[in-house]
Protein backbone atom coordinates (compact mmCIF):
# COMPACT_ATOMS: atom_id res chain seq x y z
CA MET A 1 71.90 -51.96 -88.30
CA ALA A 2 72.83 -52.74 -84.70
CA LEU A 3 75.78 -51.00 -83.13
CA LYS A 4 78.74 -53.18 -82.26
CA ALA A 5 80.69 -53.28 -79.03
CA THR A 6 83.89 -51.24 -78.77
CA ILE A 7 86.92 -53.33 -77.85
CA PHE A 8 89.37 -52.13 -75.19
CA LYS A 9 92.69 -53.84 -74.45
CA VAL A 10 93.95 -53.49 -70.89
CA GLU A 11 97.24 -54.43 -69.28
CA LEU A 12 96.42 -54.28 -65.57
CA GLN A 13 99.05 -54.57 -62.86
CA ILE A 14 97.53 -55.27 -59.46
CA ALA A 15 99.24 -54.91 -56.10
CA ASP A 16 96.61 -55.80 -53.51
CA MET A 17 98.36 -55.64 -50.16
CA ASP A 18 95.12 -56.33 -48.28
CA ARG A 19 94.77 -59.78 -49.92
CA ASN A 20 98.46 -60.40 -50.65
CA TYR A 21 97.66 -60.64 -54.36
CA TYR A 22 100.19 -59.41 -56.92
CA ALA A 23 99.62 -60.15 -60.59
CA ASP A 24 99.44 -58.80 -64.11
CA HIS A 25 96.30 -59.34 -66.18
CA ALA A 26 95.83 -58.88 -69.92
CA LEU A 27 92.15 -58.14 -70.43
CA THR A 28 89.96 -57.57 -73.44
CA ILE A 29 86.82 -55.62 -72.59
CA ALA A 30 83.91 -55.35 -75.00
CA ARG A 31 82.11 -52.11 -74.09
CA HIS A 32 78.41 -52.42 -74.95
CA PRO A 33 77.12 -49.54 -77.12
CA SER A 34 74.91 -48.33 -74.25
CA GLU A 35 77.73 -48.49 -71.71
CA THR A 36 79.67 -45.38 -70.72
CA ASP A 37 83.42 -45.13 -70.11
CA GLU A 38 82.60 -44.52 -66.45
CA ARG A 39 80.68 -47.78 -66.08
CA MET A 40 83.35 -49.74 -67.96
CA MET A 41 86.07 -48.36 -65.69
CA VAL A 42 84.04 -49.22 -62.58
CA ARG A 43 83.81 -52.79 -63.97
CA LEU A 44 87.60 -52.74 -64.32
CA LEU A 45 87.95 -51.45 -60.75
CA ALA A 46 85.67 -54.27 -59.52
CA PHE A 47 87.89 -56.73 -61.39
CA ALA A 48 90.97 -55.34 -59.62
CA LEU A 49 89.29 -55.53 -56.20
CA HIS A 50 88.43 -59.21 -56.66
CA ALA A 51 91.22 -60.23 -59.04
CA ASP A 52 91.83 -63.93 -59.37
CA LYS A 53 92.99 -66.18 -62.18
CA SER A 54 89.48 -67.59 -62.52
CA LEU A 55 87.64 -64.21 -62.45
CA THR A 56 86.28 -63.41 -65.90
CA ILE A 57 84.41 -60.63 -67.61
CA ALA A 58 80.87 -61.79 -68.38
CA LYS A 59 78.31 -60.45 -70.82
CA GLY A 60 76.65 -58.20 -68.24
CA LEU A 61 74.55 -55.54 -69.97
CA SER A 62 73.86 -57.61 -73.06
CA THR A 63 72.51 -60.64 -71.15
CA ASP A 64 69.96 -60.52 -68.32
CA ASP A 65 71.08 -63.71 -66.59
CA GLU A 66 74.82 -62.94 -66.44
CA PRO A 67 76.69 -60.51 -64.21
CA ASP A 68 79.35 -58.01 -65.25
CA LEU A 69 82.07 -60.26 -63.78
CA TRP A 70 82.02 -63.73 -62.34
CA GLN A 71 84.22 -66.42 -60.91
CA ARG A 72 83.27 -70.04 -61.40
CA ASP A 73 84.77 -73.16 -59.88
CA LEU A 74 85.81 -76.21 -61.89
CA THR A 75 82.30 -77.66 -61.75
CA GLY A 76 80.78 -74.50 -63.24
CA ALA A 77 79.20 -73.36 -59.97
CA ILE A 78 79.36 -69.59 -59.45
CA ASP A 79 81.65 -68.62 -56.58
CA LEU A 80 81.41 -64.86 -57.12
CA TRP A 81 78.87 -62.72 -58.99
CA ILE A 82 79.70 -59.02 -59.47
CA ASP A 83 77.23 -56.42 -60.73
CA VAL A 84 78.01 -52.77 -61.44
CA GLY A 85 75.36 -50.08 -61.11
CA GLN A 86 72.02 -50.26 -59.34
CA PRO A 87 70.39 -53.63 -59.98
CA ASP A 88 66.83 -54.14 -58.80
CA GLU A 89 65.94 -56.34 -55.82
CA LYS A 90 64.75 -59.22 -58.00
CA ARG A 91 68.09 -59.39 -59.83
CA ILE A 92 70.05 -59.22 -56.56
CA ARG A 93 67.99 -62.01 -54.97
CA ARG A 94 68.37 -64.19 -58.06
CA ALA A 95 72.15 -63.61 -58.06
CA CYS A 96 72.38 -64.44 -54.34
CA GLY A 97 70.53 -67.68 -54.98
CA ARG A 98 72.89 -68.67 -57.79
CA ALA A 99 76.27 -67.62 -56.35
CA SER A 100 78.21 -68.21 -53.14
CA GLN A 101 79.11 -64.49 -52.93
CA VAL A 102 77.56 -61.44 -54.62
CA ALA A 103 79.16 -58.00 -54.82
CA VAL A 104 77.45 -54.88 -56.14
CA TYR A 105 79.39 -51.69 -56.95
CA SER A 106 77.33 -48.55 -57.35
CA TYR A 107 78.92 -45.37 -58.69
CA SER A 108 76.27 -42.69 -59.01
CA GLY A 109 76.97 -40.62 -55.90
CA HIS A 110 73.83 -39.50 -54.05
CA GLY A 111 71.62 -41.57 -56.36
CA ALA A 112 73.24 -44.70 -54.92
CA ASP A 113 72.16 -43.69 -51.41
CA ILE A 114 68.57 -43.35 -52.56
CA TRP A 115 68.76 -46.69 -54.42
CA TRP A 116 70.21 -48.53 -51.42
CA ASN A 117 67.72 -46.96 -48.97
CA GLN A 118 64.91 -48.44 -51.09
CA LEU A 119 66.53 -51.90 -51.14
CA ALA A 120 68.11 -52.09 -47.68
CA ALA A 121 65.03 -53.49 -45.94
CA GLY A 122 64.60 -56.31 -48.45
CA CYS A 123 68.25 -57.07 -49.22
CA GLY A 124 69.90 -56.07 -45.94
CA ARG A 125 69.53 -59.54 -44.44
CA ILE A 126 71.00 -61.48 -47.36
CA ARG A 127 74.16 -63.00 -45.93
CA ASN A 128 76.15 -63.51 -49.15
CA LEU A 129 75.60 -59.94 -50.45
CA GLY A 130 78.11 -57.12 -50.27
CA VAL A 131 77.33 -53.61 -51.53
CA ALA A 132 79.76 -50.71 -51.97
CA ASN A 133 79.46 -47.23 -53.43
CA LEU A 134 82.11 -45.12 -55.11
CA PRO A 135 82.37 -41.47 -54.07
CA ALA A 136 80.67 -39.03 -56.45
CA GLY A 137 83.82 -37.85 -58.26
CA ALA A 138 85.56 -41.23 -58.54
CA GLY A 139 83.59 -42.58 -61.51
CA PRO A 140 84.19 -39.57 -63.79
CA ALA A 141 87.86 -39.48 -62.73
CA LEU A 142 88.26 -43.15 -63.64
CA ALA A 143 86.51 -42.49 -66.98
CA GLU A 144 89.26 -39.97 -67.83
CA LEU A 145 91.78 -42.84 -67.73
CA ALA A 146 89.85 -44.79 -70.39
CA GLU A 147 91.64 -45.39 -73.69
CA ARG A 148 91.31 -48.11 -76.31
CA ASN A 149 94.71 -49.50 -75.21
CA MET A 150 95.38 -49.04 -71.50
CA ARG A 151 98.28 -49.80 -69.20
CA LEU A 152 96.99 -49.39 -65.68
CA GLN A 153 98.39 -49.97 -62.23
CA CYS A 154 96.09 -50.62 -59.30
CA THR A 155 97.31 -50.53 -55.72
CA ILE A 156 95.06 -51.57 -52.85
CA GLN A 157 96.11 -51.02 -49.25
CA ASP A 158 94.08 -50.69 -46.04
CA GLY A 159 90.87 -50.30 -48.04
CA HIS A 160 92.27 -47.45 -50.15
CA VAL A 161 92.52 -47.93 -53.90
CA TRP A 162 94.75 -46.08 -56.36
CA VAL A 163 94.39 -46.54 -60.11
CA GLY A 164 96.89 -44.91 -62.44
CA ASN A 165 98.21 -44.98 -65.97
CA GLY A 166 101.72 -43.71 -65.37
CA GLY A 167 100.73 -40.06 -65.78
CA ASP A 168 97.46 -39.64 -63.93
CA ALA A 169 96.16 -41.40 -60.84
CA VAL A 170 92.77 -41.66 -59.16
CA GLN A 171 92.26 -42.46 -55.49
CA VAL A 172 89.05 -44.29 -54.62
CA GLU A 173 87.73 -44.78 -51.10
CA LEU A 174 84.78 -47.14 -51.31
CA GLN A 175 81.84 -46.55 -49.01
CA VAL A 176 80.70 -49.97 -47.80
CA LEU A 177 76.92 -50.01 -47.62
CA LYS A 178 76.66 -53.68 -46.65
CA ARG A 179 79.28 -56.30 -45.84
CA ALA A 180 78.78 -59.89 -46.94
CA GLY A 181 78.29 -62.63 -44.36
């Protein structure tokens, strides 16, 4: 018998002073059986960093041709494709061909540096690709905030990100490996 996804309910308050975006989002996240709390929370962080009314959580891990998050326009064209982890070059190139903007968020510390060094020559010239890495301790710290029902606040200012649940807070300073366009 196949394992089922675990459902997480999230009330996310976002104050993004860099983009002048202030909103509350009620999200339902289906965590794939092979997905860790750390990866799920990095997906949630990526949502907060790009939050928009039309940004949605996609199938990601369970479907090869969908990202973790995406934003589509009214015609169905993909404006933004977001992957979490360390996708291979073929997947990145395919995403960049399908979407106006592609963002990749890696979270495995030193492993991300090795991954990006292998891909930088081939993907470094892709104009609509942005790649960022979380510091080594940020992913596990975000995973500690994970609960089946979460109330989180995310504040973004001058490139610094704070995620908290009222009791605990995690500060994340993303390392930008490649800026889009």
